[in-house]
Amino acid sequence: MSDAGPAFRPISDAGADDVVIPFAVTPLDVRGRLVRLGPALDVLLANHGYPGEIARAVGEAAALTALLGSSLKFEGRFQLQTRSDGVIDMLVVDFDAPDRLRAFARFDPERLAAAREAGATQPALLFGKGHLALTIDQGPDTSRYQGIVTLEGQGLEAAAHEYFLRSEQIPTLVRLAVAEVVSAGDRPAHWRAGGLLLQFLPDSPERQRMQDLHPGDRPESAGEPEFREDDAWMEAQALAATVEDHELVDPALSSDRLLYRLFHERGVTVFDASALRHACRCSRDGIERMLRGFTTKERADMIGEDGRIGVTCEFCGVKREFEPGDFDGGEPEAGQ
């Protein structure tokens, strides 16, 4: 055990929902983040009315995106996107720093019904085979960074592990949990999600030595990266592995108490929480500008039976309607 004894600083908002809480277990050279989603996830899902199995998969993706996107040190966007041959053929979650989440999923209802009959509705099975793309966009003046991981039925937790191992070369543990909470009385059911991210970031030169090498520069005899056998990282993983799914989503268990429960023997330092919220960047003005970029013929093809142009945002589900006559004049020519 650490000679310095446990370190723990409760914070006033650690018991709240819709927060990301950074923490450190210094004796083990570990840093991490804990996310708890409540009302923000409820709003995100309510906009679409997803079946429970789809809502669960979206909740996992939202928790993972919050864990990863909250590490951004600038005002930019982090996006998680899956494309696959599964029941859920596409899922997108956007995190706009510092605090905004939005998401949508596209799925096949008939295939979902077949998956229910087969008892194959776990999120990993619903994604099927394809890829997971993680994109960091820092704005128009910088290049985007994108990491891609193959999905082969292993689920988002395992895909995140693969991403950090192959792309970032940072030993990482990710835990995700989602639950639909049914309350007594007339209160409607609501969704909760939780996630834990743990990373081994050693300060000592001895522990950094193998991690500083490019994979192509590792001696052939080295085999797997040395951090897999590091006692500190092994212990950190063992402590984090004791967390149960219900603990990650339990509204009665505050975030600070959960972190203390996991790491108090080694000492855990908890930092200030960051709030999260559901918010969509779509706007009427933005959609109008988009429509003005189409030709008259293209907009005519969009007119519905009521004689208006209706545009529904895939992320938030808000439908906005426009009068075709509002776009008369100044039309781009076909092909422009």
C-alpha atoms as a PDB file:
ATOM      1  CA  MET A   1       0.000   0.000   0.000  1.00  0.00           C
ATOM      2  CA  SER A   2       1.038   3.596  -0.488  1.00  0.00           C
ATOM      3  CA  ASP A   3       3.131   5.022   2.351  1.00  0.00           C
ATOM      4  CA  ALA A   4       1.461   8.352   1.777  1.00  0.00           C
ATOM      5  CA  GLY A   5      -1.927   6.895   2.619  1.00  0.00           C
ATOM      6  CA  PRO A   6      -5.174   7.496   0.768  1.00  0.00           C
ATOM      7  CA  ALA A   7      -5.919  10.909  -0.640  1.00  0.00           C
ATOM      8  CA  PHE A   8      -9.501  11.840  -1.307  1.00  0.00           C
ATOM      9  CA  ARG A   9     -11.161  15.181  -1.822  1.00  0.00           C
ATOM     10  CA  PRO A  10     -14.961  15.089  -2.104  1.00  0.00           C
ATOM     11  CA  ILE A  11     -16.451  17.699  -4.411  1.00  0.00           C
ATOM     12  CA  SER A  12     -19.847  19.271  -4.067  1.00  0.00           C
ATOM     13  CA  ASP A  13     -21.134  18.389  -7.539  1.00  0.00           C
ATOM     14  CA  ALA A  14     -19.768  14.826  -7.693  1.00  0.00           C
ATOM     15  CA  GLY A  15     -23.173  13.458  -6.785  1.00  0.00           C
ATOM     16  CA  ALA A  16     -24.848  15.160  -9.726  1.00  0.00           C
ATOM     17  CA  ASP A  17     -25.903  13.646 -13.024  1.00  0.00           C
ATOM     18  CA  ASP A  18     -24.606  14.695 -16.429  1.00  0.00           C
ATOM     19  CA  VAL A  19     -21.015  15.228 -15.314  1.00  0.00           C
ATOM     20  CA  VAL A  20     -17.514  14.090 -16.188  1.00  0.00           C
ATOM     21  CA  ILE A  21     -15.148  13.827 -13.239  1.00  0.00           C
ATOM     22  CA  PRO A  22     -11.356  13.571 -13.744  1.00  0.00           C
ATOM     23  CA  PHE A  23      -9.322  11.736 -11.126  1.00  0.00           C
ATOM     24  CA  ALA A  24      -5.826  10.417 -10.474  1.00  0.00           C
ATOM     25  CA  VAL A  25      -4.378   7.478  -8.578  1.00  0.00           C
ATOM     26  CA  THR A  26      -0.852   8.865  -8.294  1.00  0.00           C
ATOM     27  CA  PRO A  27       0.881   5.893  -6.603  1.00  0.00           C
ATOM     28  CA  LEU A  28      -0.117   3.750  -9.608  1.00  0.00           C
ATOM     29  CA  ASP A  29       0.649   6.381 -12.286  1.00  0.00           C
ATOM     30  CA  VAL A  30      -2.997   6.265 -13.331  1.00  0.00           C
ATOM     31  CA  ARG A  31      -5.351   8.980 -14.499  1.00  0.00           C
ATOM     32  CA  GLY A  32      -8.957   8.626 -15.494  1.00  0.00           C
ATOM     33  CA  ARG A  33     -12.430  10.035 -15.922  1.00  0.00           C
ATOM     34  CA  LEU A  34     -15.842   8.974 -14.675  1.00  0.00           C
ATOM     35  CA  VAL A  35     -19.008   9.971 -16.525  1.00  0.00           C
ATOM     36  CA  ARG A  36     -22.593   9.811 -15.233  1.00  0.00           C
ATOM     37  CA  LEU A  37     -25.451  10.589 -17.629  1.00  0.00           C
ATOM     38  CA  GLY A  38     -29.054  11.094 -16.535  1.00  0.00           C
ATOM     39  CA  PRO A  39     -31.464  13.777 -17.790  1.00  0.00           C
ATOM     40  CA  ALA A  40     -29.233  14.645 -20.756  1.00  0.00           C
ATOM     41  CA  LEU A  41     -29.394  11.046 -21.946  1.00  0.00           C
ATOM     42  CA  ASP A  42     -33.145  10.930 -21.368  1.00  0.00           C
ATOM     43  CA  VAL A  43     -33.674  13.978 -23.593  1.00  0.00           C
ATOM     44  CA  LEU A  44     -31.307  12.644 -26.233  1.00  0.00           C
ATOM     45  CA  LEU A  45     -33.212   9.352 -26.440  1.00  0.00           C
ATOM     46  CA  ALA A  46     -36.710  10.811 -26.075  1.00  0.00           C
ATOM     47  CA  ASN A  47     -36.232  12.827 -29.246  1.00  0.00           C
ATOM     48  CA  HIS A  48     -36.201   9.591 -31.240  1.00  0.00           C
ATOM     49  CA  GLY A  49     -38.372   7.120 -29.336  1.00  0.00           C
ATOM     50  CA  TYR A  50     -35.902   4.298 -29.858  1.00  0.00           C
ATOM     51  CA  PRO A  51     -36.769   0.724 -28.846  1.00  0.00           C
ATOM     52  CA  GLY A  52     -35.041  -0.279 -25.620  1.00  0.00           C
ATOM     53  CA  GLU A  53     -32.287  -2.292 -27.314  1.00  0.00           C
ATOM     54  CA  ILE A  54     -31.343   0.606 -29.593  1.00  0.00           C
ATOM     55  CA  ALA A  55     -31.531   3.093 -26.713  1.00  0.00           C
ATOM     56  CA  ARG A  56     -29.093   0.949 -24.742  1.00  0.00           C
ATOM     57  CA  ALA A  57     -26.564   0.947 -27.600  1.00  0.00           C
ATOM     58  CA  VAL A  58     -26.908   4.712 -28.059  1.00  0.00           C
ATOM     59  CA  GLY A  59     -26.431   5.193 -24.306  1.00  0.00           C
ATOM     60  CA  GLU A  60     -23.180   3.208 -24.383  1.00  0.00           C
ATOM     61  CA  ALA A  61     -21.920   5.255 -27.319  1.00  0.00           C
ATOM     62  CA  ALA A  62     -22.884   8.522 -25.613  1.00  0.00           C
ATOM     63  CA  ALA A  63     -21.037   7.564 -22.416  1.00  0.00           C
ATOM     64  CA  LEU A  64     -17.927   6.558 -24.376  1.00  0.00           C
ATOM     65  CA  THR A  65     -18.016   9.762 -26.420  1.00  0.00           C
ATOM     66  CA  ALA A  66     -18.300  11.873 -23.260  1.00  0.00           C
ATOM     67  CA  LEU A  67     -15.332  10.035 -21.731  1.00  0.00           C
ATOM     68  CA  LEU A  68     -13.153  10.629 -24.778  1.00  0.00           C
ATOM     69  CA  GLY A  69     -14.423  14.027 -25.914  1.00  0.00           C
ATOM     70  CA  SER A  70     -14.123  15.615 -22.471  1.00  0.00           C
ATOM     71  CA  SER A  71     -10.339  15.358 -22.730  1.00  0.00           C
ATOM     72  CA  LEU A  72     -10.289  18.072 -25.417  1.00  0.00           C
ATOM     73  CA  LYS A  73      -8.388  21.150 -24.278  1.00  0.00           C
ATOM     74  CA  PHE A  74      -9.895  23.411 -26.927  1.00  0.00           C
ATOM     75  CA  GLU A  75     -13.262  24.325 -28.359  1.00  0.00           C
ATOM     76  CA  GLY A  76     -13.688  21.695 -31.025  1.00  0.00           C
ATOM     77  CA  ARG A  77     -15.691  18.608 -31.832  1.00  0.00           C
ATOM     78  CA  PHE A  78     -15.160  14.954 -31.059  1.00  0.00           C
ATOM     79  CA  GLN A  79     -17.257  12.505 -33.038  1.00  0.00           C
ATOM     80  CA  LEU A  80     -17.867   8.782 -32.643  1.00  0.00           C
ATOM     81  CA  GLN A  81     -19.359   7.042 -35.666  1.00  0.00           C
ATOM     82  CA  THR A  82     -20.050   3.402 -36.450  1.00  0.00           C
ATOM     83  CA  ARG A  83     -20.828   1.977 -39.892  1.00  0.00           C
ATOM     84  CA  SER A  84     -21.564  -1.729 -40.038  1.00  0.00           C
ATOM     85  CA  ASP A  85     -23.666  -4.553 -41.433  1.00  0.00           C
ATOM     86  CA  GLY A  86     -25.584  -5.002 -38.182  1.00  0.00           C
ATOM     87  CA  VAL A  87     -29.106  -4.158 -37.082  1.00  0.00           C
ATOM     88  CA  ILE A  88     -27.665  -0.717 -36.262  1.00  0.00           C
ATOM     89  CA  ASP A  89     -25.989   0.152 -39.543  1.00  0.00           C
ATOM     90  CA  MET A  90     -24.969   3.648 -38.431  1.00  0.00           C
ATOM     91  CA  LEU A  91     -24.640   5.445 -35.111  1.00  0.00           C
ATOM     92  CA  VAL A  92     -23.228   8.943 -34.640  1.00  0.00           C
ATOM     93  CA  VAL A  93     -22.487  10.807 -31.402  1.00  0.00           C
ATOM     94  CA  ASP A  94     -21.126  14.363 -31.418  1.00  0.00           C
ATOM     95  CA  PHE A  95     -19.402  16.010 -28.467  1.00  0.00           C
ATOM     96  CA  ASP A  96     -18.986  19.761 -28.910  1.00  0.00           C
ATOM     97  CA  ALA A  97     -16.487  20.949 -26.334  1.00  0.00           C
ATOM     98  CA  PRO A  98     -16.829  21.758 -23.605  1.00  0.00           C
ATOM     99  CA  ASP A  99     -20.173  20.196 -22.729  1.00  0.00           C
ATOM    100  CA  ARG A 100     -22.675  19.461 -25.563  1.00  0.00           C
ATOM    101  CA  LEU A 101     -23.802  15.981 -26.612  1.00  0.00           C
ATOM    102  CA  ARG A 102     -26.097  14.885 -29.431  1.00  0.00           C
ATOM    103  CA  ALA A 103     -26.624  11.531 -31.159  1.00  0.00           C
ATOM    104  CA  PHE A 104     -28.701   9.477 -33.549  1.00  0.00           C
ATOM    105  CA  ALA A 105     -28.830   5.862 -34.705  1.00  0.00           C
ATOM    106  CA  ARG A 106     -30.140   4.268 -37.886  1.00  0.00           C
ATOM    107  CA  PHE A 107     -31.465   0.732 -37.578  1.00  0.00           C
ATOM    108  CA  ASP A 108     -33.609  -1.880 -39.335  1.00  0.00           C
ATOM    109  CA  PRO A 109     -36.826  -2.616 -37.350  1.00  0.00           C
ATOM    110  CA  GLU A 110     -37.373  -5.973 -39.087  1.00  0.00           C
ATOM    111  CA  ARG A 111     -33.862  -7.166 -38.313  1.00  0.00           C
ATOM    112  CA  LEU A 112     -34.283  -5.963 -34.734  1.00  0.00           C
ATOM    113  CA  ALA A 113     -37.417  -8.109 -34.406  1.00  0.00           C
ATOM    114  CA  ALA A 114     -35.487 -11.107 -35.726  1.00  0.00           C
ATOM    115  CA  ALA A 115     -32.662 -10.412 -33.271  1.00  0.00           C
ATOM    116  CA  ARG A 116     -35.167 -10.384 -30.422  1.00  0.00           C
ATOM    117  CA  GLU A 117     -36.475 -13.791 -31.437  1.00  0.00           C
ATOM    118  CA  ALA A 118     -32.914 -15.101 -31.559  1.00  0.00           C
ATOM    119  CA  GLY A 119     -32.009 -13.553 -28.188  1.00  0.00           C
ATOM    120  CA  ALA A 120     -29.201 -11.577 -29.848  1.00  0.00           C
ATOM    121  CA  THR A 121     -29.922  -7.994 -28.799  1.00  0.00           C
ATOM    122  CA  GLN A 122     -26.740  -7.147 -26.878  1.00  0.00           C
ATOM    123  CA  PRO A 123     -25.252  -3.896 -28.263  1.00  0.00           C
ATOM    124  CA  ALA A 124     -22.158  -5.690 -29.547  1.00  0.00           C
ATOM    125  CA  LEU A 125     -24.308  -8.039 -31.631  1.00  0.00           C
ATOM    126  CA  LEU A 126     -26.522  -5.226 -32.915  1.00  0.00           C
ATOM    127  CA  PHE A 127     -23.484  -3.448 -34.373  1.00  0.00           C
ATOM    128  CA  GLY A 128     -22.274  -6.509 -36.261  1.00  0.00           C
ATOM    129  CA  LYS A 129     -19.161  -6.132 -38.415  1.00  0.00           C
ATOM    130  CA  GLY A 130     -17.858  -2.859 -39.733  1.00  0.00           C
ATOM    131  CA  HIS A 131     -15.782  -0.057 -38.282  1.00  0.00           C
ATOM    132  CA  LEU A 132     -15.702   2.535 -35.522  1.00  0.00           C
ATOM    133  CA  ALA A 133     -14.301   5.953 -36.414  1.00  0.00           C
ATOM    134  CA  LEU A 134     -13.178   8.459 -33.776  1.00  0.00           C
ATOM    135  CA  THR A 135     -12.669  11.956 -35.167  1.00  0.00           C
ATOM    136  CA  ILE A 136     -11.215  15.103 -33.592  1.00  0.00           C
ATOM    137  CA  ASP A 137     -12.055  18.344 -35.405  1.00  0.00           C
ATOM    138  CA  GLN A 138     -10.331  21.437 -34.010  1.00  0.00           C
ATOM    139  CA  GLY A 139     -11.829  23.882 -36.495  1.00  0.00           C
ATOM    140  CA  PRO A 140     -11.426  25.088 -40.087  1.00  0.00           C
ATOM    141  CA  ASP A 141      -7.783  26.151 -39.665  1.00  0.00           C
ATOM    142  CA  THR A 142      -6.484  22.760 -38.530  1.00  0.00           C
ATOM    143  CA  SER A 143      -6.388  19.246 -39.911  1.00  0.00           C
ATOM    144  CA  ARG A 144      -8.810  16.661 -38.591  1.00  0.00           C
ATOM    145  CA  TYR A 145      -7.481  13.602 -36.803  1.00  0.00           C
ATOM    146  CA  GLN A 146      -9.279  10.295 -37.257  1.00  0.00           C
ATOM    147  CA  GLY A 147      -8.660   6.854 -35.798  1.00  0.00           C
ATOM    148  CA  ILE A 148     -10.477   3.814 -37.175  1.00  0.00           C
ATOM    149  CA  VAL A 149     -11.025   0.487 -35.435  1.00  0.00           C
ATOM    150  CA  THR A 150     -12.558  -2.631 -36.956  1.00  0.00           C
ATOM    151  CA  LEU A 151     -15.817  -3.829 -35.416  1.00  0.00           C
ATOM    152  CA  GLU A 152     -16.103  -7.609 -35.398  1.00  0.00           C
ATOM    153  CA  GLY A 153     -18.832  -8.128 -32.842  1.00  0.00           C
ATOM    154  CA  GLN A 154     -16.623  -7.159 -29.900  1.00  0.00           C
ATOM    155  CA  GLY A 155     -18.620  -4.094 -28.741  1.00  0.00           C
ATOM    156  CA  LEU A 156     -17.616  -0.538 -27.945  1.00  0.00           C
ATOM    157  CA  GLU A 157     -15.601  -1.264 -24.802  1.00  0.00           C
ATOM    158  CA  ALA A 158     -13.284  -3.671 -26.591  1.00  0.00           C
ATOM    159  CA  ALA A 159     -13.097  -1.413 -29.651  1.00  0.00           C
ATOM    160  CA  ALA A 160     -11.978   1.485 -27.438  1.00  0.00           C
ATOM    161  CA  HIS A 161      -9.268  -0.711 -25.904  1.00  0.00           C
ATOM    162  CA  GLU A 162      -8.052  -1.610 -29.392  1.00  0.00           C
ATOM    163  CA  TYR A 163      -8.018   2.042 -30.442  1.00  0.00           C
ATOM    164  CA  PHE A 164      -5.822   3.134 -27.550  1.00  0.00           C
ATOM    165  CA  LEU A 165      -3.500   0.174 -27.893  1.00  0.00           C
ATOM    166  CA  ARG A 166      -2.936   0.539 -31.634  1.00  0.00           C
ATOM    167  CA  SER A 167      -3.438   4.261 -32.302  1.00  0.00           C
ATOM    168  CA  GLU A 168      -2.443   6.008 -29.081  1.00  0.00           C
ATOM    169  CA  GLN A 169      -0.271   3.272 -27.525  1.00  0.00           C
ATOM    170  CA  ILE A 170      -1.679   4.172 -24.134  1.00  0.00           C
ATOM    171  CA  PRO A 171      -2.721   1.268 -21.902  1.00  0.00           C
ATOM    172  CA  THR A 172      -6.395   1.962 -21.238  1.00  0.00           C
ATOM    173  CA  LEU A 173      -9.343   0.333 -19.526  1.00  0.00           C
ATOM    174  CA  VAL A 174     -12.916   1.332 -20.395  1.00  0.00           C
ATOM    175  CA  ARG A 175     -16.128   0.287 -18.656  1.00  0.00           C
ATOM    176  CA  LEU A 176     -19.601   1.234 -19.887  1.00  0.00           C
ATOM    177  CA  ALA A 177     -23.044   0.589 -18.433  1.00  0.00           C
ATOM    178  CA  VAL A 178     -26.588   1.612 -19.357  1.00  0.00           C
ATOM    179  CA  ALA A 179     -29.850   0.987 -17.523  1.00  0.00           C
ATOM    180  CA  GLU A 180     -33.497   1.910 -17.828  1.00  0.00           C
ATOM    181  CA  VAL A 181     -34.686   2.840 -14.346  1.00  0.00           C
ATOM    182  CA  VAL A 182     -38.301   2.056 -13.552  1.00  0.00           C
ATOM    183  CA  SER A 183     -39.639   4.084 -10.637  1.00  0.00           C
ATOM    184  CA  ALA A 184     -42.510   3.285  -8.355  1.00  0.00           C
ATOM    185  CA  GLY A 185     -45.775   5.114  -8.828  1.00  0.00           C
ATOM    186  CA  ASP A 186     -46.649   7.130 -11.901  1.00  0.00           C
ATOM    187  CA  ARG A 187     -43.149   8.397 -12.664  1.00  0.00           C
ATOM    188  CA  PRO A 188     -42.070   7.389 -16.184  1.00  0.00           C
ATOM    189  CA  ALA A 189     -39.054   5.171 -16.706  1.00  0.00           C
ATOM    190  CA  HIS A 190     -35.825   7.006 -17.430  1.00  0.00           C
ATOM    191  CA  TRP A 191     -32.412   6.121 -18.792  1.00  0.00           C
ATOM    192  CA  ARG A 192     -29.028   6.362 -17.135  1.00  0.00           C
ATOM    193  CA  ALA A 193     -25.520   5.629 -18.378  1.00  0.00           C
ATOM    194  CA  GLY A 194     -22.126   5.526 -16.754  1.00  0.00           C
ATOM    195  CA  GLY A 195     -18.579   5.070 -17.929  1.00  0.00           C
ATOM    196  CA  LEU A 196     -15.121   4.703 -16.430  1.00  0.00           C
ATOM    197  CA  LEU A 197     -11.878   5.358 -18.293  1.00  0.00           C
ATOM    198  CA  LEU A 198      -8.535   4.472 -16.742  1.00  0.00           C
ATOM    199  CA  GLN A 199      -5.146   5.167 -18.361  1.00  0.00           C
ATOM    200  CA  PHE A 200      -1.602   4.262 -17.373  1.00  0.00           C
ATOM    201  CA  LEU A 201       0.519   7.411 -17.791  1.00  0.00           C
ATOM    202  CA  PRO A 202       3.783   6.806 -15.932  1.00  0.00           C
ATOM    203  CA  ASP A 203       6.101   9.641 -14.944  1.00  0.00           C
ATOM    204  CA  SER A 204       9.115   7.509 -14.108  1.00  0.00           C
ATOM    205  CA  PRO A 205      11.755   7.057 -16.873  1.00  0.00           C
ATOM    206  CA  GLU A 206      11.806   3.306 -16.289  1.00  0.00           C
ATOM    207  CA  ARG A 207       8.101   2.936 -16.994  1.00  0.00           C
ATOM    208  CA  GLN A 208       8.209   5.319 -19.937  1.00  0.00           C
ATOM    209  CA  ARG A 209      11.093   3.575 -21.708  1.00  0.00           C
ATOM    210  CA  MET A 210       9.142   0.990 -23.678  1.00  0.00           C
ATOM    211  CA  GLN A 211       6.165   3.280 -24.305  1.00  0.00           C
ATOM    212  CA  ASP A 212       8.397   5.908 -25.931  1.00  0.00           C
ATOM    213  CA  LEU A 213       9.453   3.443 -28.651  1.00  0.00           C
ATOM    214  CA  HIS A 214       7.645   3.360 -31.975  1.00  0.00           C
ATOM    215  CA  PRO A 215       6.194  -0.146 -32.487  1.00  0.00           C
ATOM    216  CA  GLY A 216       8.590  -0.694 -35.396  1.00  0.00           C
ATOM    217  CA  ASP A 217      11.549   0.116 -33.145  1.00  0.00           C
ATOM    218  CA  ARG A 218      10.734  -2.452 -30.458  1.00  0.00           C
ATOM    219  CA  PRO A 219      13.179  -5.331 -30.274  1.00  0.00           C
ATOM    220  CA  GLU A 220      11.679  -8.553 -31.618  1.00  0.00           C
ATOM    221  CA  SER A 221      12.255 -10.203 -28.262  1.00  0.00           C
ATOM    222  CA  ALA A 222      10.136  -7.602 -26.528  1.00  0.00           C
ATOM    223  CA  GLY A 223       6.861  -9.237 -27.568  1.00  0.00           C
ATOM    224  CA  GLU A 224       3.839  -7.384 -26.231  1.00  0.00           C
ATOM    225  CA  PRO A 225       4.390  -3.865 -24.786  1.00  0.00           C
ATOM    226  CA  GLU A 226       6.010  -3.987 -21.361  1.00  0.00           C
ATOM    227  CA  PHE A 227       3.210  -2.027 -19.684  1.00  0.00           C
ATOM    228  CA  ARG A 228       1.050  -5.149 -19.844  1.00  0.00           C
ATOM    229  CA  GLU A 229       3.279  -6.664 -17.172  1.00  0.00           C
ATOM    230  CA  ASP A 230       3.831  -3.555 -15.081  1.00  0.00           C
ATOM    231  CA  ASP A 231       2.741  -4.250 -11.513  1.00  0.00           C
ATOM    232  CA  ALA A 232       1.208  -0.791 -11.066  1.00  0.00           C
ATOM    233  CA  TRP A 233      -0.959  -1.088 -14.183  1.00  0.00           C
ATOM    234  CA  MET A 234      -1.968  -4.639 -13.326  1.00  0.00           C
ATOM    235  CA  GLU A 235      -3.057  -3.500  -9.875  1.00  0.00           C
ATOM    236  CA  ALA A 236      -4.961  -0.507 -11.270  1.00  0.00           C
ATOM    237  CA  GLN A 237      -6.847  -2.747 -13.687  1.00  0.00           C
ATOM    238  CA  ALA A 238      -7.657  -5.203 -10.901  1.00  0.00           C
ATOM    239  CA  LEU A 239      -9.101  -2.427  -8.731  1.00  0.00           C
ATOM    240  CA  ALA A 240     -11.142  -0.933 -11.577  1.00  0.00           C
ATOM    241  CA  ALA A 241     -12.415  -4.366 -12.618  1.00  0.00           C
ATOM    242  CA  THR A 242     -14.300  -4.651  -9.338  1.00  0.00           C
ATOM    243  CA  VAL A 243     -16.801  -1.993 -10.432  1.00  0.00           C
ATOM    244  CA  GLU A 244     -20.243  -3.400 -11.176  1.00  0.00           C
ATOM    245  CA  ASP A 245     -22.562  -2.153 -13.898  1.00  0.00           C
ATOM    246  CA  HIS A 246     -25.184  -1.125 -11.357  1.00  0.00           C
ATOM    247  CA  GLU A 247     -22.614   1.025  -9.525  1.00  0.00           C
ATOM    248  CA  LEU A 248     -21.906   3.033 -12.671  1.00  0.00           C
ATOM    249  CA  VAL A 249     -25.588   3.937 -13.088  1.00  0.00           C
ATOM    250  CA  ASP A 250     -26.848   3.951  -9.486  1.00  0.00           C
ATOM    251  CA  PRO A 251     -28.324   7.416  -8.739  1.00  0.00           C
ATOM    252  CA  ALA A 252     -27.942   6.780  -5.011  1.00  0.00           C
ATOM    253  CA  LEU A 253     -24.170   6.217  -5.316  1.00  0.00           C
ATOM    254  CA  SER A 254     -22.372   9.519  -5.863  1.00  0.00           C
ATOM    255  CA  SER A 255     -19.410   9.690  -8.193  1.00  0.00           C
ATOM    256  CA  ASP A 256     -16.978  10.647  -5.453  1.00  0.00           C
ATOM    257  CA  ARG A 257     -18.121   7.745  -3.276  1.00  0.00           C
ATOM    258  CA  LEU A 258     -17.738   5.316  -6.166  1.00  0.00           C
ATOM    259  CA  LEU A 259     -14.182   6.464  -6.882  1.00  0.00           C
ATOM    260  CA  TYR A 260     -13.325   6.215  -3.206  1.00  0.00           C
ATOM    261  CA  ARG A 261     -14.786   2.709  -3.095  1.00  0.00           C
ATOM    262  CA  LEU A 262     -12.591   1.628  -6.016  1.00  0.00           C
ATOM    263  CA  PHE A 263      -9.267   3.270  -5.227  1.00  0.00           C
ATOM    264  CA  HIS A 264      -9.138   4.364  -1.577  1.00  0.00           C
ATOM    265  CA  GLU A 265      -6.490   1.769  -0.680  1.00  0.00           C
ATOM    266  CA  ARG A 266      -4.008   3.443  -3.001  1.00  0.00           C
ATOM    267  CA  GLY A 267      -5.283   6.982  -2.712  1.00  0.00           C
ATOM    268  CA  VAL A 268      -7.455   8.755  -5.238  1.00  0.00           C
ATOM    269  CA  THR A 269      -7.460  12.483  -5.990  1.00  0.00           C
ATOM    270  CA  VAL A 270     -10.700  13.797  -7.464  1.00  0.00           C
ATOM    271  CA  PHE A 271     -10.708  16.972  -9.535  1.00  0.00           C
ATOM    272  CA  ASP A 272     -13.478  19.415 -10.414  1.00  0.00           C
ATOM    273  CA  ALA A 273     -16.413  18.016 -12.348  1.00  0.00           C
ATOM    274  CA  SER A 274     -17.455  19.282 -15.776  1.00  0.00           C
ATOM    275  CA  ALA A 275     -21.134  19.484 -16.666  1.00  0.00           C
ATOM    276  CA  LEU A 276     -22.659  17.799 -19.712  1.00  0.00           C
ATOM    277  CA  ARG A 277     -25.885  18.632 -21.529  1.00  0.00           C
ATOM    278  CA  HIS A 278     -27.839  17.576 -24.557  1.00  0.00           C
ATOM    279  CA  ALA A 279     -27.717  20.257 -27.238  1.00  0.00           C
ATOM    280  CA  CYS A 280     -27.992  20.246 -31.010  1.00  0.00           C
ATOM    281  CA  ARG A 281     -26.154  22.707 -33.220  1.00  0.00           C
ATOM    282  CA  CYS A 282     -28.931  22.783 -35.843  1.00  0.00           C
ATOM    283  CA  SER A 283     -30.826  26.046 -36.345  1.00  0.00           C
ATOM    284  CA  ARG A 284     -33.476  27.456 -38.647  1.00  0.00           C
ATOM    285  CA  ASP A 285     -30.992  29.944 -40.111  1.00  0.00           C
ATOM    286  CA  GLY A 286     -28.465  27.200 -40.785  1.00  0.00           C
ATOM    287  CA  ILE A 287     -31.012  24.990 -42.551  1.00  0.00           C
ATOM    288  CA  GLU A 288     -32.250  27.953 -44.583  1.00  0.00           C
ATOM    289  CA  ARG A 289     -28.695  28.645 -45.754  1.00  0.00           C
ATOM    290  CA  MET A 290     -28.358  24.988 -46.714  1.00  0.00           C
ATOM    291  CA  LEU A 291     -31.597  25.082 -48.722  1.00  0.00           C
ATOM    292  CA  ARG A 292     -30.474  28.201 -50.557  1.00  0.00           C
ATOM    293  CA  GLY A 293     -27.508  26.185 -51.788  1.00  0.00           C
ATOM    294  CA  PHE A 294     -29.839  23.918 -53.772  1.00  0.00           C
ATOM    295  CA  THR A 295     -31.226  24.704 -57.216  1.00  0.00           C
ATOM    296  CA  THR A 296     -34.884  25.588 -57.726  1.00  0.00           C
ATOM    297  CA  LYS A 297     -35.522  22.144 -59.203  1.00  0.00           C
ATOM    298  CA  GLU A 298     -33.871  20.401 -56.263  1.00  0.00           C
ATOM    299  CA  ARG A 299     -35.979  22.355 -53.780  1.00  0.00           C
ATOM    300  CA  ALA A 300     -39.104  21.634 -55.823  1.00  0.00           C
ATOM    301  CA  ASP A 301     -38.424  17.936 -55.338  1.00  0.00           C
ATOM    302  CA  MET A 302     -38.439  18.520 -51.576  1.00  0.00           C
ATOM    303  CA  ILE A 303     -41.924  20.052 -51.442  1.00  0.00           C
ATOM    304  CA  GLY A 304     -44.366  17.887 -49.511  1.00  0.00           C
ATOM    305  CA  GLU A 305     -48.082  17.322 -49.946  1.00  0.00           C
ATOM    306  CA  ASP A 306     -48.811  20.393 -47.858  1.00  0.00           C
ATOM    307  CA  GLY A 307     -46.895  22.568 -50.317  1.00  0.00           C
ATOM    308  CA  ARG A 308     -44.037  23.271 -47.915  1.00  0.00           C
ATOM    309  CA  ILE A 309     -40.438  22.114 -47.580  1.00  0.00           C
ATOM    310  CA  GLY A 310     -39.968  20.146 -44.372  1.00  0.00           C
ATOM    311  CA  VAL A 311     -36.534  19.361 -42.939  1.00  0.00           C
ATOM    312  CA  THR A 312     -36.115  17.155 -39.865  1.00  0.00           C
ATOM    313  CA  CYS A 313     -32.801  17.118 -37.975  1.00  0.00           C
ATOM    314  CA  GLU A 314     -31.547  13.569 -37.589  1.00  0.00           C
ATOM    315  CA  PHE A 315     -29.928  14.403 -34.253  1.00  0.00           C
ATOM    316  CA  CYS A 316     -32.638  16.228 -32.323  1.00  0.00           C
ATOM    317  CA  GLY A 317     -35.730  15.254 -34.301  1.00  0.00           C
ATOM    318  CA  VAL A 318     -36.933  18.859 -34.662  1.00  0.00           C
ATOM    319  CA  LYS A 319     -38.837  19.465 -37.912  1.00  0.00           C
ATOM    320  CA  ARG A 320     -38.702  22.896 -39.523  1.00  0.00           C
ATOM    321  CA  GLU A 321     -40.903  23.956 -42.431  1.00  0.00           C
ATOM    322  CA  PHE A 322     -40.231  26.546 -45.109  1.00  0.00           C
ATOM    323  CA  GLU A 323     -42.294  28.205 -47.828  1.00  0.00           C
ATOM    324  CA  PRO A 324     -40.812  27.514 -51.279  1.00  0.00           C
ATOM    325  CA  GLY A 325     -41.528  31.131 -52.266  1.00  0.00           C
ATOM    326  CA  ASP A 326     -39.122  32.357 -49.584  1.00  0.00           C
ATOM    327  CA  PHE A 327     -36.257  31.215 -51.790  1.00  0.00           C
ATOM    328  CA  ASP A 328     -37.289  32.995 -54.984  1.00  0.00           C
ATOM    329  CA  GLY A 329     -34.500  34.980 -56.580  1.00  0.00           C
ATOM    330  CA  GLY A 330     -30.739  34.531 -56.474  1.00  0.00           C
ATOM    331  CA  GLU A 331     -30.908  30.820 -57.259  1.00  0.00           C
ATOM    332  CA  PRO A 332     -27.728  28.875 -58.021  1.00  0.00           C
ATOM    333  CA  GLU A 333     -27.638  27.344 -61.455  1.00  0.00           C
ATOM    334  CA  ALA A 334     -27.713  23.569 -61.858  1.00  0.00           C
ATOM    335  CA  GLY A 335     -24.273  22.096 -61.517  1.00  0.00           C
ATOM    336  CA  GLN A 336     -22.948  24.957 -59.391  1.00  0.00           C
END
